Amino acid sequence: MSYENLLAYVKKTTALDQVSGLLGWDQETQMPVKGGVQRAEHMGAMESVLHARRTDKRIPEWIAAIDQSGLNAVEKRNVAEAQKDYDNAAKIPSDLAEALARLSAQSQGIWAKARKAGDFKEFAPTLAKMIDLKREEAAARQTGNASLYDALMDDYEPGMASGDMADLLAKLRVGLTDLRSRIAASGRPEIKLHGDFNEALQMEFARTLPQMFNYDWDAGRMDIAVHPFCSGNGGDSRITTRVSVNNPFDCIYSVIHEVGHAVYEQNITDADTLAPAHKYASMGVHESQSRMFENQIGRSRAFCGYLFPKMQAAFGDIGVDNPDDFYAAVNNVHSGYIRTESDEIHYNLHVMMRFDLERALISGDLSVNDLEAAWNDRFKADFGVEVDTPANGVLQDVHWSVGLFGYFPTYSLGNIFAAELFAKMQDTIPDLNGKIAAGALDDPINWLHKNVHTHGRVLPPAELIATATGHATSETALLTYLNTKFGDLYGV
């Protein structure tokens, strides 16, 4: 009965963790502005209960008593994940776990206020506290020759060392900067949309997008948030977006991106959505789904041709009068401030900048007091423009406010995985571009269900992608895809 006892206990812990996730979703979408102090106490109390459950001494006793020779692959993964979760939790004092949860809830409101005011000094003391706590957490979990940052990154990309990540991104960076230089020298002017893109029209149009990608509305909902995100899994997978009246693509592609996350969560094998093996493989794999939906499919010439008349029908005159110009407008390359609004080339440069800065923050090589200046200097060096306001710079992302250190590099890793998977789909699915042009996405999405979604966490992330594509992952497929696409667009 040890396996059954273990699984029942872990599932109840997961259920409570999902309740905590709902509190977080509510905080971002529905909670009254003055509810932040109470919510911090709610989150701290929940974390106290969760930490006590995760460190229960019965867990290692149950695991030790299990004869794993009689378990199947899913059951073995459940045991392995339970062991890993226990080992990590047992290293962290209860008061530290509770302090992190409480500060994360408080910090979100402080960050949002500072972002709105464009004042980093309002947020800096809170961020400094968060970094101190995350360094304390990392030190408690640190093993062998692993760095503090390795310990944190393992939460999001298990099994991958930050040095290996840095090497992979460095190779990608070389190709990206070369392509960006050639595009800048091309002299092609930007093509932009113009029209009436008020919030009501955008949200009405945004609600038509998820079903194009087989999002199950009976298992989800869509709301507005300061920073778009996806929350939940299985039968409750929620998405959010935001609206900029001057840039409808921000809303449209935020929806498509978050739908990629949600469709993954809705289609992990649902035999037991509370069991560890039925979680997503890693954040890199998760991002591969959202970035593929957003870019390889959503920003493709084929899908833009499908989307163009729908945009005209929804908004009237949008400032371009043919699918080719619409495709060019969707894929303008320019040095914008905002990561989530940036083109496919600059997006990865945004991520690499954050990766380097947060590693320096965690290692102690960079202080919070120097962060804004370091951000602005790096941005000028990488993007060629001065940051005009902290809201467009160091304050634009929510991640650091909630302690998500180690998360950012998984965005670019997701782009790399997405390119690998899409290249395999092109080789495997007959007339893939024709299907995308018709808005008939069942075949590519079913391919992802079979080769990625249904596996959950049974396979390690690198093995999952290698099994789907037939080879080990590298930056080559992404650089090939970007050079082909933007070489055609810009004639370079």
Protein backbone atom coordinates (compact mmCIF):
# COMPACT_ATOMS: atom_id res chain seq x y z
CA MET A 1 0.00 0.00 0.00
CA SER A 2 3.00 2.33 0.20
CA TYR A 3 2.68 3.50 -3.41
CA GLU A 4 -1.06 4.10 -3.01
CA ASN A 5 -0.46 6.01 0.25
CA LEU A 6 2.24 8.12 -1.36
CA LEU A 7 0.17 8.96 -4.43
CA ALA A 8 -2.96 9.84 -2.45
CA TYR A 9 -0.95 12.12 -0.20
CA VAL A 10 0.92 13.84 -3.06
CA LYS A 11 -2.31 14.37 -4.99
CA LYS A 12 -3.91 16.14 -2.04
CA THR A 13 -0.85 18.38 -1.76
CA THR A 14 -1.14 19.17 -5.46
CA ALA A 15 -4.83 20.00 -5.02
CA LEU A 16 -3.97 22.48 -2.27
CA ASP A 17 -1.22 23.95 -4.45
CA GLN A 18 -3.77 24.46 -7.22
CA VAL A 19 -6.02 26.30 -4.74
CA SER A 20 -3.04 28.57 -4.05
CA GLY A 21 -2.73 29.05 -7.81
CA LEU A 22 -6.35 30.17 -7.98
CA LEU A 23 -5.61 32.77 -5.31
CA GLY A 24 -2.79 34.03 -7.52
CA TRP A 25 -5.04 34.14 -10.58
CA ASP A 26 -7.65 36.09 -8.62
CA GLN A 27 -5.03 38.55 -7.43
CA GLU A 28 -4.02 39.33 -11.00
CA THR A 29 -7.50 39.54 -12.51
CA GLN A 30 -10.33 40.11 -10.02
CA MET A 31 -9.07 41.07 -6.56
CA PRO A 32 -9.89 44.57 -5.26
CA VAL A 33 -6.91 46.91 -5.21
CA LYS A 34 -6.95 47.07 -1.42
CA GLY A 35 -6.91 43.30 -1.02
CA GLY A 36 -3.15 42.94 -1.37
CA VAL A 37 -2.28 42.88 2.34
CA GLN A 38 -4.87 40.21 3.10
CA ARG A 39 -3.88 38.20 0.05
CA ALA A 40 -0.28 38.15 1.21
CA GLU A 41 -1.45 36.60 4.48
CA HIS A 42 -3.60 34.09 2.57
CA MET A 43 -0.64 33.04 0.43
CA GLY A 44 1.69 32.84 3.42
CA ALA A 45 -0.77 30.66 5.32
CA MET A 46 -1.26 28.37 2.32
CA GLU A 47 2.49 28.02 1.85
CA SER A 48 2.91 27.13 5.52
CA VAL A 49 0.43 24.27 5.10
CA LEU A 50 1.95 23.16 1.81
CA HIS A 51 5.50 23.22 3.16
CA ALA A 52 4.46 21.08 6.14
CA ARG A 53 2.90 18.54 3.79
CA ARG A 54 5.87 18.51 1.44
CA THR A 55 8.27 17.81 4.30
CA ASP A 56 6.16 15.14 6.01
CA LYS A 57 8.53 12.40 7.27
CA ARG A 58 6.15 9.71 6.03
CA ILE A 59 7.03 10.54 2.41
CA PRO A 60 10.55 9.03 2.46
CA GLU A 61 9.24 6.10 4.50
CA TRP A 62 6.57 5.33 1.91
CA ILE A 63 9.10 5.66 -0.92
CA ALA A 64 11.62 3.37 0.81
CA ALA A 65 8.93 0.70 1.22
CA ILE A 66 7.93 0.67 -2.45
CA ASP A 67 9.11 -2.20 -4.66
CA GLN A 68 9.67 -0.18 -7.83
CA SER A 69 10.40 -3.26 -9.94
CA GLY A 70 6.64 -3.76 -10.25
CA LEU A 71 5.85 -0.19 -11.27
CA ASN A 72 5.23 1.04 -14.81
CA ALA A 73 6.93 4.13 -16.29
CA VAL A 74 4.24 6.55 -15.09
CA GLU A 75 4.27 5.14 -11.56
CA LYS A 76 8.06 5.30 -11.42
CA ARG A 77 7.95 8.94 -12.49
CA ASN A 78 5.38 9.67 -9.78
CA VAL A 79 7.76 8.23 -7.19
CA ALA A 80 10.80 10.05 -8.59
CA GLU A 81 8.98 13.39 -8.62
CA ALA A 82 7.68 12.84 -5.10
CA GLN A 83 11.22 12.13 -3.92
CA LYS A 84 12.61 15.20 -5.65
CA ASP A 85 9.88 17.46 -4.27
CA TYR A 86 10.47 16.12 -0.76
CA ASP A 87 14.25 16.54 -1.01
CA ASN A 88 13.93 20.15 -2.21
CA ALA A 89 11.28 21.10 0.34
CA ALA A 90 13.08 19.45 3.25
CA LYS A 91 16.10 21.67 2.65
CA ILE A 92 14.09 24.86 3.04
CA PRO A 93 13.04 26.07 6.52
CA SER A 94 9.30 26.55 6.93
CA ASP A 95 9.66 30.20 7.86
CA LEU A 96 11.63 30.86 4.65
CA ALA A 97 8.99 29.16 2.48
CA GLU A 98 6.24 31.17 4.16
CA ALA A 99 8.20 34.43 3.89
CA LEU A 100 8.73 33.88 0.16
CA ALA A 101 5.03 33.25 -0.44
CA ARG A 102 3.99 36.28 1.59
CA LEU A 103 6.54 38.58 -0.07
CA SER A 104 5.57 37.36 -3.56
CA ALA A 105 1.96 38.34 -2.94
CA GLN A 106 2.93 41.73 -1.51
CA SER A 107 5.55 42.36 -4.17
CA GLN A 108 3.18 42.06 -7.13
CA GLY A 109 1.14 45.05 -5.98
CA ILE A 110 4.24 47.10 -5.21
CA TRP A 111 5.70 46.26 -8.62
CA ALA A 112 2.45 47.16 -10.42
CA LYS A 113 2.28 50.51 -8.61
CA ALA A 114 5.94 51.29 -9.35
CA ARG A 115 5.49 50.30 -12.98
CA LYS A 116 2.49 52.59 -13.34
CA ALA A 117 4.45 55.43 -11.73
CA GLY A 118 7.59 54.67 -13.74
CA ASP A 119 9.66 54.73 -10.55
CA PHE A 120 12.08 51.85 -9.93
CA LYS A 121 13.01 53.26 -6.50
CA GLU A 122 9.48 52.38 -5.30
CA PHE A 123 10.13 48.73 -6.07
CA ALA A 124 13.88 48.38 -5.40
CA PRO A 125 13.71 47.68 -1.63
CA THR A 126 11.11 44.95 -2.15
CA LEU A 127 13.14 43.42 -4.97
CA ALA A 128 16.23 43.43 -2.76
CA LYS A 129 14.31 41.50 -0.09
CA MET A 130 13.12 39.02 -2.70
CA ILE A 131 16.64 38.43 -3.99
CA ASP A 132 17.94 37.90 -0.46
CA LEU A 133 15.26 35.27 0.16
CA LYS A 134 15.84 33.57 -3.20
CA ARG A 135 19.59 33.42 -2.55
CA GLU A 136 18.84 31.90 0.84
CA GLU A 137 16.57 29.35 -0.82
CA ALA A 138 19.17 28.56 -3.49
CA ALA A 139 21.91 28.13 -0.89
CA ALA A 140 19.74 25.65 1.01
CA ARG A 141 19.14 23.62 -2.16
CA GLN A 142 22.63 23.94 -3.66
CA THR A 143 24.44 20.65 -4.32
CA GLY A 144 27.94 19.76 -5.45
CA ASN A 145 29.45 22.18 -7.94
CA ALA A 146 26.09 23.68 -8.90
CA SER A 147 25.75 27.44 -8.64
CA LEU A 148 23.03 29.25 -6.71
CA TYR A 149 21.40 30.03 -10.05
CA ASP A 150 21.49 26.34 -11.06
CA ALA A 151 19.45 25.49 -7.97
CA LEU A 152 16.79 28.02 -8.95
CA MET A 153 16.75 27.19 -12.66
CA ASP A 154 16.11 23.53 -11.85
CA ASP A 155 12.56 24.49 -10.86
CA TYR A 156 11.84 25.44 -14.46
CA GLU A 157 14.20 23.37 -16.60
CA PRO A 158 15.09 20.26 -14.59
CA GLY A 159 18.36 18.61 -15.47
CA MET A 160 19.87 21.54 -17.36
CA ALA A 161 22.85 23.45 -15.93
CA SER A 162 23.03 27.21 -16.36
CA GLY A 163 26.45 26.84 -18.01
CA ASP A 164 24.96 24.63 -20.71
CA MET A 165 22.11 27.09 -21.13
CA ALA A 166 24.57 29.97 -21.43
CA ASP A 167 26.57 28.10 -24.09
CA LEU A 168 23.44 27.35 -26.12
CA LEU A 169 22.20 30.94 -25.94
CA ALA A 170 25.66 32.30 -26.81
CA LYS A 171 25.62 30.31 -30.05
CA LEU A 172 22.14 31.59 -30.79
CA ARG A 173 23.19 35.16 -30.05
CA VAL A 174 25.90 35.12 -32.70
CA GLY A 175 23.43 34.15 -35.43
CA LEU A 176 20.78 36.60 -34.21
CA THR A 177 23.07 39.63 -34.14
CA ASP A 178 24.31 38.84 -37.64
CA LEU A 179 20.76 38.55 -38.98
CA ARG A 180 19.68 41.73 -37.20
CA SER A 181 22.59 43.66 -38.72
CA ARG A 182 21.67 42.51 -42.22
CA ILE A 183 18.03 43.48 -41.68
CA ALA A 184 19.01 46.92 -40.35
CA ALA A 185 21.11 47.50 -43.48
CA SER A 186 18.25 46.52 -45.79
CA GLY A 187 16.55 49.90 -45.49
CA ARG A 188 13.05 48.43 -45.74
CA PRO A 189 10.57 50.74 -43.98
CA GLU A 190 8.18 49.47 -41.34
CA ILE A 191 4.60 48.78 -42.34
CA LYS A 192 2.13 49.55 -39.58
CA LEU A 193 -1.58 49.15 -38.98
CA HIS A 194 -3.88 52.14 -38.51
CA GLY A 195 -7.51 52.08 -37.48
CA ASP A 196 -10.02 51.94 -34.68
CA PHE A 197 -8.71 49.32 -32.26
CA ASN A 198 -10.67 50.20 -29.14
CA GLU A 199 -10.69 47.81 -26.18
CA ALA A 200 -14.19 46.44 -26.77
CA LEU A 201 -13.46 45.59 -30.41
CA GLN A 202 -10.14 43.99 -29.54
CA MET A 203 -11.60 41.80 -26.81
CA GLU A 204 -14.48 40.76 -29.05
CA PHE A 205 -11.99 39.72 -31.73
CA ALA A 206 -9.64 38.13 -29.19
CA ARG A 207 -12.40 35.77 -28.08
CA THR A 208 -12.59 34.35 -31.62
CA LEU A 209 -8.94 33.27 -31.60
CA PRO A 210 -8.67 30.44 -29.04
CA GLN A 211 -11.03 28.06 -30.83
CA MET A 212 -8.88 28.37 -33.98
CA PHE A 213 -6.24 26.52 -31.94
CA ASN A 214 -8.67 23.99 -30.42
CA TYR A 215 -8.84 25.68 -27.01
CA ASP A 216 -11.66 24.14 -24.99
CA TRP A 217 -13.78 26.99 -23.62
CA ASP A 218 -15.59 24.55 -21.33
CA ALA A 219 -12.25 24.03 -19.60
CA GLY A 220 -11.12 27.65 -19.52
CA ARG A 221 -11.85 31.36 -19.57
CA MET A 222 -10.15 34.61 -20.62
CA ASP A 223 -9.57 37.77 -18.58
CA ILE A 224 -7.44 40.91 -18.67
CA ALA A 225 -4.21 41.20 -16.66
CA VAL A 226 -1.31 43.66 -16.45
CA HIS A 227 1.04 40.93 -17.67
CA PRO A 228 -0.62 38.10 -19.67
CA PHE A 229 -0.33 34.59 -18.23
CA CYS A 230 -1.91 31.14 -18.26
CA SER A 231 -3.09 29.48 -15.06
CA GLY A 232 -4.33 26.03 -14.10
CA ASN A 233 -4.42 22.70 -15.89
CA GLY A 234 -6.72 19.98 -17.17
CA GLY A 235 -10.36 21.01 -16.90
CA ASP A 236 -9.51 24.50 -15.57
CA SER A 237 -6.91 26.13 -17.82
CA ARG A 238 -7.34 29.90 -17.83
CA ILE A 239 -5.76 32.53 -20.05
CA THR A 240 -5.35 36.30 -19.84
CA THR A 241 -4.41 39.07 -22.24
CA ARG A 242 -4.00 42.84 -22.24
CA VAL A 243 -5.12 45.60 -24.60
CA SER A 244 -3.20 48.49 -26.17
CA VAL A 245 -5.44 50.67 -28.33
CA ASN A 246 -2.47 51.57 -30.54
CA ASN A 247 -1.25 48.02 -31.02
CA PRO A 248 -3.85 45.28 -31.58
CA PHE A 249 -1.09 42.73 -32.16
CA ASP A 250 -0.20 42.93 -28.45
CA CYS A 251 -3.63 41.57 -27.55
CA ILE A 252 -3.93 39.15 -30.48
CA TYR A 253 -0.57 37.47 -30.07
CA SER A 254 -0.76 37.47 -26.28
CA VAL A 255 -3.95 35.44 -26.64
CA ILE A 256 -2.41 33.04 -29.15
CA HIS A 257 0.67 32.66 -26.95
CA GLU A 258 -1.30 31.91 -23.79
CA VAL A 259 -3.58 29.55 -25.71
CA GLY A 260 -0.46 27.56 -26.59
CA HIS A 261 0.19 27.09 -22.88
CA ALA A 262 -3.44 26.27 -22.13
CA VAL A 263 -3.90 23.74 -24.94
CA TYR A 264 -0.82 21.92 -23.63
CA GLU A 265 -2.32 21.86 -20.13
CA GLN A 266 -5.72 20.75 -21.41
CA ASN A 267 -4.23 17.83 -23.29
CA ILE A 268 -1.73 16.23 -20.93
CA THR A 269 -3.04 12.71 -20.42
CA ASP A 270 -5.95 13.22 -18.05
CA ALA A 271 -5.84 9.85 -16.30
CA ASP A 272 -4.92 11.72 -13.13
CA THR A 273 -4.31 15.47 -13.40
CA LEU A 274 -3.13 15.65 -9.77
CA ALA A 275 -0.37 13.05 -10.15
CA PRO A 276 3.22 14.35 -10.63
CA ALA A 277 3.79 12.44 -13.89
CA HIS A 278 0.88 14.31 -15.46
CA LYS A 279 2.47 17.72 -15.08
CA TYR A 280 4.14 19.57 -17.96
CA ALA A 281 7.67 18.42 -18.78
CA SER A 282 9.45 21.75 -18.19
CA MET A 283 8.98 25.45 -18.82
CA GLY A 284 11.15 25.19 -21.93
CA VAL A 285 8.75 22.60 -23.32
CA HIS A 286 5.79 24.71 -22.17
CA GLU A 287 7.18 27.77 -23.93
CA SER A 288 7.80 25.74 -27.08
CA GLN A 289 4.05 25.24 -27.38
CA SER A 290 3.10 28.86 -26.82
CA ARG A 291 5.89 30.25 -28.98
CA MET A 292 5.10 27.84 -31.82
CA PHE A 293 1.43 28.82 -31.75
CA GLU A 294 2.43 32.49 -31.66
CA ASN A 295 5.28 32.46 -34.20
CA GLN A 296 5.75 29.46 -36.48
CA ILE A 297 1.98 29.24 -36.91
CA GLY A 298 0.48 32.58 -35.87
CA ARG A 299 3.04 34.87 -37.55
CA SER A 300 3.51 32.72 -40.63
CA ARG A 301 2.65 34.01 -44.09
CA ALA A 302 0.03 31.27 -44.33
CA PHE A 303 -1.78 32.17 -41.10
CA CYS A 304 -1.51 35.92 -41.73
CA GLY A 305 -3.30 35.35 -45.03
CA TYR A 306 -6.05 33.59 -43.09
CA LEU A 307 -6.16 36.27 -40.36
CA PHE A 308 -6.13 39.34 -42.63
CA PRO A 309 -9.76 39.28 -43.86
CA LYS A 310 -10.94 38.47 -40.34
CA MET A 311 -9.14 41.57 -39.06
CA GLN A 312 -10.75 43.67 -41.78
CA ALA A 313 -14.19 42.28 -40.92
CA ALA A 314 -13.66 43.01 -37.22
CA PHE A 315 -12.02 46.46 -37.38
CA GLY A 316 -12.81 47.88 -40.83
CA ASP A 317 -9.96 49.81 -42.44
CA ILE A 318 -6.76 48.65 -40.71
CA GLY A 319 -4.30 50.67 -42.76
CA VAL A 320 -3.09 47.86 -45.05
CA ASP A 321 -5.04 46.51 -47.99
CA ASN A 322 -3.44 43.17 -48.85
CA PRO A 323 -2.23 40.02 -47.09
CA ASP A 324 1.44 40.60 -47.97
CA ASP A 325 1.53 44.01 -46.28
CA PHE A 326 -0.37 42.58 -43.33
CA TYR A 327 2.23 39.79 -43.03
CA ALA A 328 5.01 42.39 -43.15
CA ALA A 329 3.28 44.46 -40.45
CA VAL A 330 2.96 41.41 -38.20
CA ASN A 331 6.67 40.71 -38.60
CA ASN A 332 8.28 44.16 -38.43
CA VAL A 333 11.80 43.97 -36.99
CA HIS A 334 12.69 46.91 -34.76
CA SER A 335 14.37 47.61 -31.43
CA GLY A 336 11.28 47.96 -29.26
CA TYR A 337 11.33 48.28 -25.50
CA ILE A 338 8.82 45.58 -24.57
CA ARG A 339 9.82 41.91 -24.68
CA THR A 340 6.30 40.55 -25.17
CA GLU A 341 5.70 42.91 -28.11
CA SER A 342 9.04 42.34 -29.82
CA ASP A 343 9.77 40.52 -33.06
CA GLU A 344 11.19 37.01 -33.09
CA ILE A 345 14.78 38.21 -33.37
CA HIS A 346 14.82 40.87 -30.68
CA TYR A 347 12.69 38.74 -28.35
CA ASN A 348 15.58 36.38 -27.75
CA LEU A 349 17.98 39.27 -27.19
CA HIS A 350 15.58 40.55 -24.52
CA VAL A 351 15.66 37.15 -22.84
CA MET A 352 19.44 36.87 -22.97
CA MET A 353 19.81 40.28 -21.34
CA ARG A 354 17.53 39.27 -18.47
CA PHE A 355 19.32 35.92 -18.14
CA ASP A 356 22.67 37.65 -17.70
CA LEU A 357 21.31 40.29 -15.30
CA GLU A 358 19.48 37.89 -13.04
CA ARG A 359 22.45 35.54 -12.81
CA ALA A 360 24.52 38.51 -11.71
CA LEU A 361 21.87 39.47 -9.13
CA ILE A 362 21.76 35.97 -7.66
CA SER A 363 25.54 35.57 -7.62
CA GLY A 364 25.94 38.93 -5.90
CA ASP A 365 27.94 40.46 -8.76
CA LEU A 366 25.18 43.02 -9.34
CA SER A 367 23.30 44.91 -6.62
CA VAL A 368 19.68 45.99 -6.88
CA ASN A 369 20.80 49.61 -6.48
CA ASP A 370 22.81 49.25 -9.70
CA LEU A 371 20.22 47.19 -11.59
CA GLU A 372 18.39 49.99 -13.39
CA ALA A 373 21.64 51.50 -14.69
CA ALA A 374 22.91 48.06 -15.70
CA TRP A 375 19.65 47.36 -17.52
CA ASN A 376 19.75 50.69 -19.35
CA ASP A 377 23.40 50.27 -20.37
CA ARG A 378 22.86 46.74 -21.62
CA PHE A 379 19.71 47.74 -23.47
CA LYS A 380 21.51 50.59 -25.25
CA ALA A 381 24.34 48.23 -26.21
CA ASP A 382 22.04 45.46 -27.45
CA PHE A 383 19.18 47.47 -28.96
CA GLY A 384 20.78 50.77 -29.89
CA VAL A 385 18.24 53.00 -28.12
CA GLU A 386 17.95 54.66 -24.72
CA VAL A 387 15.31 53.39 -22.28
CA ASP A 388 12.76 56.20 -21.92
CA THR A 389 11.05 55.08 -18.69
CA PRO A 390 11.47 52.24 -16.18
CA ALA A 391 8.01 50.98 -17.18
CA ASN A 392 9.52 50.21 -20.59
CA GLY A 393 12.72 48.95 -19.00
CA VAL A 394 13.56 47.24 -15.75
CA LEU A 395 9.94 47.30 -14.50
CA GLN A 396 8.23 45.82 -17.54
CA ASP A 397 8.16 42.15 -16.47
CA VAL A 398 6.37 40.71 -13.45
CA HIS A 399 8.72 37.73 -13.02
CA TRP A 400 11.26 39.14 -10.57
CA SER A 401 8.55 40.57 -8.34
CA VAL A 402 7.23 37.05 -7.66
CA GLY A 403 10.66 35.45 -7.36
CA LEU A 404 10.78 33.66 -10.70
CA PHE A 405 14.57 33.69 -11.01
CA GLY A 406 15.75 31.01 -13.44
CA TYR A 407 12.60 31.29 -15.55
CA PHE A 408 13.67 33.75 -18.26
CA PRO A 409 16.11 31.52 -20.20
CA THR A 410 13.33 28.99 -20.74
CA TYR A 411 11.66 31.46 -23.11
CA SER A 412 14.54 31.24 -25.57
CA LEU A 413 14.95 27.53 -24.93
CA GLY A 414 11.25 27.28 -25.80
CA ASN A 415 11.93 29.06 -29.10
CA ILE A 416 14.70 26.57 -29.83
CA PHE A 417 12.45 23.60 -28.99
CA ALA A 418 9.60 25.12 -31.05
CA ALA A 419 11.77 25.42 -34.14
CA GLU A 420 12.92 21.81 -33.78
CA LEU A 421 9.36 20.53 -33.39
CA PHE A 422 7.96 22.64 -36.21
CA ALA A 423 10.69 21.50 -38.60
CA LYS A 424 9.75 17.90 -37.82
CA MET A 425 6.07 18.71 -38.35
CA GLN A 426 6.88 20.18 -41.76
CA ASP A 427 8.60 16.93 -42.71
CA THR A 428 5.78 14.81 -41.32
CA ILE A 429 2.45 16.54 -42.05
CA PRO A 430 1.52 16.76 -45.75
CA ASP A 431 0.79 20.32 -46.95
CA LEU A 432 1.20 21.82 -43.49
CA ASN A 433 1.32 25.39 -44.84
CA GLY A 434 -1.85 24.80 -46.83
CA LYS A 435 -3.64 23.60 -43.74
CA ILE A 436 -2.46 26.64 -41.76
CA ALA A 437 -3.56 28.95 -44.58
CA ALA A 438 -7.04 27.45 -44.35
CA GLY A 439 -7.14 27.80 -40.57
CA ALA A 440 -7.34 24.00 -40.37
CA LEU A 441 -5.04 23.36 -37.42
CA ASP A 442 -6.25 19.92 -36.31
CA ASP A 443 -3.32 18.05 -37.85
CA PRO A 444 -0.48 20.09 -36.31
CA ILE A 445 -2.22 20.27 -32.94
CA ASN A 446 -2.94 16.53 -32.94
CA TRP A 447 0.73 15.93 -33.81
CA LEU A 448 1.68 17.96 -30.73
CA HIS A 449 -0.85 16.04 -28.63
CA LYS A 450 0.74 12.75 -29.66
CA ASN A 451 4.39 13.74 -29.50
CA VAL A 452 4.48 16.28 -26.66
CA HIS A 453 1.30 16.88 -24.67
CA THR A 454 0.22 13.39 -23.71
CA HIS A 455 3.64 12.44 -22.30
CA GLY A 456 3.36 14.90 -19.43
CA ARG A 457 6.49 14.55 -17.27
CA VAL A 458 7.15 10.86 -17.91
CA LEU A 459 10.15 11.73 -20.11
CA PRO A 460 12.80 14.30 -19.13
CA PRO A 461 12.47 17.46 -21.30
CA ALA A 462 15.57 16.96 -23.44
CA GLU A 463 14.62 13.33 -24.08
CA LEU A 464 11.02 14.30 -24.87
CA ILE A 465 12.09 16.76 -27.57
CA ALA A 466 14.76 14.40 -28.94
CA THR A 467 12.22 11.57 -29.14
CA ALA A 468 9.77 13.81 -31.02
CA THR A 469 12.34 15.17 -33.47
CA GLY A 470 14.73 12.23 -33.81
CA HIS A 471 17.87 14.10 -32.75
CA ALA A 472 19.46 16.13 -29.96
CA THR A 473 18.47 19.78 -29.70
CA SER A 474 20.63 22.61 -31.02
CA GLU A 475 20.18 26.24 -32.06
CA THR A 476 20.44 25.33 -35.77
CA ALA A 477 16.74 24.82 -36.52
CA LEU A 478 15.77 28.17 -35.00
CA LEU A 479 18.47 30.09 -36.86
CA THR A 480 17.53 28.34 -40.12
CA TYR A 481 13.87 29.22 -39.62
CA LEU A 482 14.62 32.87 -38.77
CA ASN A 483 17.10 33.36 -41.60
CA THR A 484 14.70 31.85 -44.13
CA LYS A 485 11.67 33.83 -42.95
CA PHE A 486 13.27 37.22 -42.42
CA GLY A 487 15.70 36.82 -45.29
CA ASP A 488 12.64 36.58 -47.55
CA LEU A 489 10.83 39.46 -45.83
CA TYR A 490 13.78 41.83 -45.94
CA GLY A 491 15.62 40.55 -49.00
CA VAL A 492 18.81 39.81 -47.08
